[in-house]
Amino acid sequence: MTSKSACSEEFSGFQTRRSERVALDSEPVHLNPDQVHAVEIRIENLSPAGFMADCASPVLIGSYVSLDVPGIGPVQAQVRWQVGSKMGGMFLDPISLARCEWTAEKAHVA
């Protein structure tokens, strides 16, 4: 996994990201937009404040969802945008990426 940062100076109307994003090549996970059915998504990147994912199904912008974040579990979020198959959301409570096994540094054996 690699970290990515956005360069928003080139594009008028875009805001600078508040925190670095961590790229994530995840298996499909479930997004539950109405607590009744699940939509399969593939998380592309995360930050403590939100996520971007590939989602073939339309999801209502502004809706509250439960997202199964690998290494953390279910997290509540609000869908903020969707363009084509890409979508983004904001976590209702920021998450700690340090808790995720996939972000930990591997120990060196002496």
N, C-alpha and C. Protein backbone atom coordinates (compact mmCIF):
# COMPACT_ATOMS: atom_id res chain seq x y z
N MET A 1 0.83 -1.18 0.00
CA MET A 1 0.00 0.00 0.00
C MET A 1 0.87 1.24 0.00
N THR A 2 0.39 2.26 -0.62
CA THR A 2 1.13 3.50 -0.68
C THR A 2 0.23 4.65 -0.28
N SER A 3 0.86 5.70 0.18
CA SER A 3 0.09 6.90 0.53
C SER A 3 -0.04 7.77 -0.69
N LYS A 4 -1.16 8.45 -0.80
CA LYS A 4 -1.39 9.38 -1.89
C LYS A 4 -1.82 10.70 -1.29
N SER A 5 -1.47 11.77 -1.95
CA SER A 5 -1.99 13.06 -1.54
C SER A 5 -2.56 13.75 -2.77
N ALA A 6 -3.55 14.55 -2.55
CA ALA A 6 -4.21 15.23 -3.68
C ALA A 6 -3.56 16.57 -3.92
N CYS A 7 -3.44 16.93 -5.16
CA CYS A 7 -2.94 18.26 -5.53
C CYS A 7 -4.14 19.05 -6.03
N SER A 8 -4.73 19.83 -5.16
CA SER A 8 -5.96 20.52 -5.51
C SER A 8 -5.72 21.91 -6.10
N GLU A 9 -4.47 22.38 -6.08
CA GLU A 9 -4.20 23.71 -6.58
C GLU A 9 -4.48 23.83 -8.07
N GLU A 10 -4.39 22.72 -8.80
CA GLU A 10 -4.59 22.75 -10.24
C GLU A 10 -6.07 22.84 -10.63
N PHE A 11 -6.96 22.48 -9.75
CA PHE A 11 -8.36 22.39 -10.09
C PHE A 11 -9.18 23.37 -9.26
N SER A 12 -9.76 24.31 -9.91
CA SER A 12 -10.59 25.30 -9.24
C SER A 12 -11.82 24.63 -8.63
N GLY A 13 -12.15 25.00 -7.42
CA GLY A 13 -13.34 24.47 -6.77
C GLY A 13 -13.07 23.28 -5.88
N PHE A 14 -11.88 22.68 -5.95
CA PHE A 14 -11.57 21.55 -5.10
C PHE A 14 -10.89 22.03 -3.83
N GLN A 15 -11.20 21.39 -2.72
CA GLN A 15 -10.60 21.75 -1.44
C GLN A 15 -9.38 20.88 -1.17
N THR A 16 -8.43 21.44 -0.44
CA THR A 16 -7.25 20.69 -0.04
C THR A 16 -7.67 19.62 0.98
N ARG A 17 -7.11 18.42 0.85
CA ARG A 17 -7.41 17.35 1.79
C ARG A 17 -6.87 17.71 3.17
N ARG A 18 -7.62 17.36 4.18
CA ARG A 18 -7.21 17.65 5.55
C ARG A 18 -6.18 16.65 6.05
N SER A 19 -6.19 15.44 5.51
CA SER A 19 -5.24 14.42 5.94
C SER A 19 -4.86 13.52 4.78
N GLU A 20 -3.73 12.88 4.91
CA GLU A 20 -3.25 11.97 3.88
C GLU A 20 -4.19 10.79 3.73
N ARG A 21 -4.28 10.29 2.52
CA ARG A 21 -5.06 9.09 2.23
C ARG A 21 -4.11 7.90 2.16
N VAL A 22 -4.61 6.75 2.58
CA VAL A 22 -3.86 5.50 2.48
C VAL A 22 -4.55 4.66 1.41
N ALA A 23 -3.80 4.31 0.36
CA ALA A 23 -4.36 3.47 -0.70
C ALA A 23 -4.61 2.08 -0.15
N LEU A 24 -5.70 1.48 -0.56
CA LEU A 24 -6.09 0.18 -0.05
C LEU A 24 -6.57 -0.67 -1.20
N ASP A 25 -5.93 -1.81 -1.39
CA ASP A 25 -6.35 -2.75 -2.42
C ASP A 25 -7.13 -3.84 -1.70
N SER A 26 -8.40 -3.58 -1.43
CA SER A 26 -9.19 -4.48 -0.60
C SER A 26 -10.02 -5.45 -1.41
N GLU A 27 -10.40 -6.50 -0.75
CA GLU A 27 -11.42 -7.40 -1.28
C GLU A 27 -12.73 -6.63 -1.22
N PRO A 28 -13.73 -7.05 -1.97
CA PRO A 28 -15.03 -6.37 -1.86
C PRO A 28 -15.56 -6.42 -0.42
N VAL A 29 -16.13 -5.32 0.02
CA VAL A 29 -16.75 -5.24 1.34
C VAL A 29 -18.18 -4.77 1.17
N HIS A 30 -18.95 -4.77 2.25
CA HIS A 30 -20.36 -4.39 2.16
C HIS A 30 -20.59 -2.99 2.71
N LEU A 31 -21.42 -2.27 1.99
CA LEU A 31 -21.90 -0.97 2.40
C LEU A 31 -23.41 -1.16 2.60
N ASN A 32 -23.92 -0.79 3.75
CA ASN A 32 -25.33 -0.97 4.05
C ASN A 32 -26.02 0.39 4.10
N PRO A 33 -26.61 0.82 2.97
CA PRO A 33 -27.19 2.16 2.93
C PRO A 33 -28.48 2.33 3.71
N ASP A 34 -29.21 1.30 3.94
CA ASP A 34 -30.47 1.47 4.65
C ASP A 34 -30.68 0.44 5.75
N GLN A 35 -29.59 -0.23 6.14
CA GLN A 35 -29.63 -1.25 7.18
C GLN A 35 -30.50 -2.44 6.81
N VAL A 36 -30.94 -2.52 5.55
CA VAL A 36 -31.77 -3.63 5.09
C VAL A 36 -31.03 -4.48 4.07
N HIS A 37 -30.41 -3.83 3.09
CA HIS A 37 -29.67 -4.58 2.07
C HIS A 37 -28.22 -4.10 2.02
N ALA A 38 -27.36 -4.92 1.44
CA ALA A 38 -25.94 -4.58 1.33
C ALA A 38 -25.57 -4.35 -0.12
N VAL A 39 -24.70 -3.39 -0.35
CA VAL A 39 -24.16 -3.08 -1.66
C VAL A 39 -22.68 -3.43 -1.61
N GLU A 40 -22.19 -4.14 -2.61
CA GLU A 40 -20.78 -4.50 -2.63
C GLU A 40 -19.96 -3.35 -3.19
N ILE A 41 -18.90 -2.98 -2.45
CA ILE A 41 -17.99 -1.92 -2.89
C ILE A 41 -16.56 -2.41 -2.74
N ARG A 42 -15.65 -1.69 -3.35
CA ARG A 42 -14.22 -1.96 -3.21
C ARG A 42 -13.58 -0.65 -2.75
N ILE A 43 -13.09 -0.62 -1.51
CA ILE A 43 -12.49 0.59 -0.95
C ILE A 43 -11.16 0.85 -1.67
N GLU A 44 -11.00 2.07 -2.19
CA GLU A 44 -9.77 2.42 -2.88
C GLU A 44 -8.78 3.16 -1.99
N ASN A 45 -9.31 4.04 -1.11
CA ASN A 45 -8.42 4.70 -0.15
C ASN A 45 -9.21 5.15 1.06
N LEU A 46 -8.46 5.36 2.14
CA LEU A 46 -9.04 5.77 3.42
C LEU A 46 -8.21 6.88 4.03
N SER A 47 -8.85 7.66 4.87
CA SER A 47 -8.17 8.59 5.76
C SER A 47 -8.92 8.47 7.08
N PRO A 48 -8.42 9.08 8.12
CA PRO A 48 -9.18 9.03 9.38
C PRO A 48 -10.58 9.62 9.25
N ALA A 49 -10.79 10.51 8.27
CA ALA A 49 -12.07 11.20 8.13
C ALA A 49 -13.02 10.60 7.10
N GLY A 50 -12.51 9.78 6.16
CA GLY A 50 -13.41 9.31 5.12
C GLY A 50 -12.81 8.26 4.21
N PHE A 51 -13.51 7.97 3.13
CA PHE A 51 -13.10 6.92 2.21
C PHE A 51 -13.52 7.26 0.79
N MET A 52 -12.86 6.61 -0.17
CA MET A 52 -13.29 6.62 -1.56
C MET A 52 -13.38 5.17 -1.98
N ALA A 53 -14.42 4.83 -2.75
CA ALA A 53 -14.63 3.44 -3.14
C ALA A 53 -15.18 3.34 -4.55
N ASP A 54 -15.05 2.16 -5.11
CA ASP A 54 -15.66 1.84 -6.39
C ASP A 54 -16.99 1.15 -6.06
N CYS A 55 -18.08 1.68 -6.59
CA CYS A 55 -19.42 1.18 -6.27
C CYS A 55 -20.29 1.24 -7.52
N ALA A 56 -20.66 0.08 -8.04
CA ALA A 56 -21.44 0.04 -9.28
C ALA A 56 -22.90 0.43 -9.07
N SER A 57 -23.40 0.32 -7.85
CA SER A 57 -24.80 0.64 -7.57
C SER A 57 -24.96 2.10 -7.16
N PRO A 58 -26.05 2.73 -7.56
CA PRO A 58 -26.27 4.11 -7.11
C PRO A 58 -26.62 4.14 -5.62
N VAL A 59 -26.03 5.09 -4.92
CA VAL A 59 -26.30 5.28 -3.48
C VAL A 59 -26.70 6.73 -3.29
N LEU A 60 -27.74 6.97 -2.56
CA LEU A 60 -28.27 8.32 -2.37
C LEU A 60 -27.26 9.21 -1.64
N ILE A 61 -26.87 10.31 -2.27
CA ILE A 61 -25.96 11.25 -1.64
C ILE A 61 -26.63 11.84 -0.42
N GLY A 62 -25.90 11.88 0.68
CA GLY A 62 -26.44 12.36 1.95
C GLY A 62 -26.95 11.25 2.84
N SER A 63 -27.06 10.04 2.30
CA SER A 63 -27.57 8.93 3.11
C SER A 63 -26.51 8.46 4.10
N TYR A 64 -26.99 7.94 5.21
CA TYR A 64 -26.11 7.39 6.24
C TYR A 64 -25.97 5.90 5.98
N VAL A 65 -24.72 5.43 6.08
CA VAL A 65 -24.42 4.04 5.74
C VAL A 65 -23.54 3.42 6.82
N SER A 66 -23.52 2.11 6.82
CA SER A 66 -22.58 1.37 7.64
C SER A 66 -21.61 0.71 6.67
N LEU A 67 -20.32 0.91 6.91
CA LEU A 67 -19.27 0.43 6.02
C LEU A 67 -18.38 -0.52 6.80
N ASP A 68 -18.11 -1.70 6.23
CA ASP A 68 -17.25 -2.68 6.89
C ASP A 68 -15.80 -2.41 6.49
N VAL A 69 -15.06 -1.68 7.33
CA VAL A 69 -13.68 -1.30 7.04
C VAL A 69 -12.74 -2.44 7.46
N PRO A 70 -11.92 -2.96 6.52
CA PRO A 70 -11.00 -4.05 6.86
C PRO A 70 -10.08 -3.66 8.03
N GLY A 71 -9.98 -4.55 9.00
CA GLY A 71 -9.13 -4.31 10.16
C GLY A 71 -9.77 -3.50 11.26
N ILE A 72 -10.94 -2.91 11.00
CA ILE A 72 -11.64 -2.11 12.01
C ILE A 72 -13.02 -2.67 12.29
N GLY A 73 -13.77 -2.98 11.24
CA GLY A 73 -15.13 -3.48 11.39
C GLY A 73 -16.12 -2.44 10.92
N PRO A 74 -17.38 -2.56 11.35
CA PRO A 74 -18.42 -1.62 10.90
C PRO A 74 -18.16 -0.19 11.38
N VAL A 75 -18.27 0.75 10.45
CA VAL A 75 -18.08 2.17 10.74
C VAL A 75 -19.24 2.93 10.10
N GLN A 76 -19.79 3.89 10.83
CA GLN A 76 -20.89 4.70 10.31
C GLN A 76 -20.34 5.87 9.50
N ALA A 77 -20.96 6.14 8.36
CA ALA A 77 -20.49 7.22 7.49
C ALA A 77 -21.68 7.86 6.78
N GLN A 78 -21.40 8.98 6.14
CA GLN A 78 -22.40 9.64 5.30
C GLN A 78 -21.84 9.73 3.88
N VAL A 79 -22.63 9.34 2.90
CA VAL A 79 -22.22 9.43 1.50
C VAL A 79 -22.22 10.90 1.11
N ARG A 80 -21.06 11.37 0.60
CA ARG A 80 -20.92 12.79 0.25
C ARG A 80 -20.97 13.04 -1.25
N TRP A 81 -20.57 12.05 -2.05
CA TRP A 81 -20.59 12.22 -3.49
C TRP A 81 -20.56 10.87 -4.18
N GLN A 82 -21.03 10.86 -5.42
CA GLN A 82 -20.91 9.69 -6.29
C GLN A 82 -20.91 10.19 -7.73
N VAL A 83 -19.88 9.80 -8.48
CA VAL A 83 -19.75 10.14 -9.89
C VAL A 83 -19.44 8.85 -10.61
N GLY A 84 -20.37 8.41 -11.45
CA GLY A 84 -20.19 7.13 -12.12
C GLY A 84 -20.09 6.02 -11.09
N SER A 85 -19.03 5.23 -11.18
CA SER A 85 -18.86 4.13 -10.23
C SER A 85 -18.00 4.51 -9.03
N LYS A 86 -17.55 5.75 -8.94
CA LYS A 86 -16.75 6.21 -7.80
C LYS A 86 -17.64 6.92 -6.80
N MET A 87 -17.36 6.70 -5.52
CA MET A 87 -18.13 7.36 -4.47
C MET A 87 -17.21 7.70 -3.31
N GLY A 88 -17.63 8.65 -2.50
CA GLY A 88 -16.87 9.03 -1.33
C GLY A 88 -17.78 9.31 -0.16
N GLY A 89 -17.25 9.08 1.02
CA GLY A 89 -18.03 9.31 2.22
C GLY A 89 -17.18 9.85 3.35
N MET A 90 -17.86 10.41 4.33
CA MET A 90 -17.23 10.98 5.51
C MET A 90 -17.65 10.14 6.71
N PHE A 91 -16.67 9.69 7.51
CA PHE A 91 -16.99 8.93 8.72
C PHE A 91 -17.64 9.85 9.74
N LEU A 92 -18.67 9.36 10.43
CA LEU A 92 -19.33 10.18 11.45
C LEU A 92 -18.40 10.42 12.63
N ASP A 93 -17.60 9.43 12.97
CA ASP A 93 -16.56 9.55 13.99
C ASP A 93 -15.25 9.15 13.33
N PRO A 94 -14.22 10.00 13.39
CA PRO A 94 -12.96 9.65 12.74
C PRO A 94 -12.44 8.30 13.24
N ILE A 95 -11.76 7.58 12.35
CA ILE A 95 -11.21 6.28 12.71
C ILE A 95 -9.70 6.41 12.91
N SER A 96 -9.12 5.44 13.60
CA SER A 96 -7.68 5.39 13.80
C SER A 96 -7.10 4.34 12.87
N LEU A 97 -6.35 4.78 11.86
CA LEU A 97 -5.74 3.83 10.94
C LEU A 97 -4.64 3.04 11.62
N ALA A 98 -4.10 3.55 12.73
CA ALA A 98 -3.06 2.84 13.46
C ALA A 98 -3.59 1.54 14.05
N ARG A 99 -4.91 1.44 14.25
CA ARG A 99 -5.50 0.20 14.78
C ARG A 99 -5.55 -0.91 13.75
N CYS A 100 -5.40 -0.58 12.49
CA CYS A 100 -5.52 -1.56 11.42
C CYS A 100 -4.23 -2.35 11.27
N GLU A 101 -4.33 -3.65 11.22
CA GLU A 101 -3.16 -4.51 11.07
C GLU A 101 -2.42 -4.19 9.78
N TRP A 102 -3.15 -3.83 8.71
CA TRP A 102 -2.52 -3.58 7.42
C TRP A 102 -1.74 -2.28 7.35
N THR A 103 -1.84 -1.40 8.38
CA THR A 103 -1.04 -0.18 8.38
C THR A 103 0.16 -0.29 9.31
N ALA A 104 0.23 -1.36 10.09
CA ALA A 104 1.32 -1.51 11.06
C ALA A 104 2.63 -1.83 10.33
N GLU A 105 3.73 -1.37 10.91
CA GLU A 105 5.04 -1.69 10.37
C GLU A 105 5.42 -3.10 10.80
N LYS A 106 6.02 -3.84 9.91
CA LYS A 106 6.44 -5.19 10.25
C LYS A 106 7.70 -5.12 11.12
N ALA A 107 7.73 -5.97 12.14
CA ALA A 107 8.89 -6.04 13.03
C ALA A 107 10.03 -6.75 12.33
N HIS A 108 11.24 -6.28 12.57
CA HIS A 108 12.42 -6.91 11.99
C HIS A 108 12.97 -7.92 12.98
N VAL A 109 13.21 -9.13 12.52
CA VAL A 109 13.77 -10.17 13.38
C VAL A 109 15.28 -10.06 13.34
N ALA A 110 15.87 -10.00 14.52
CA ALA A 110 17.34 -9.86 14.60
C ALA A 110 18.05 -11.19 14.53
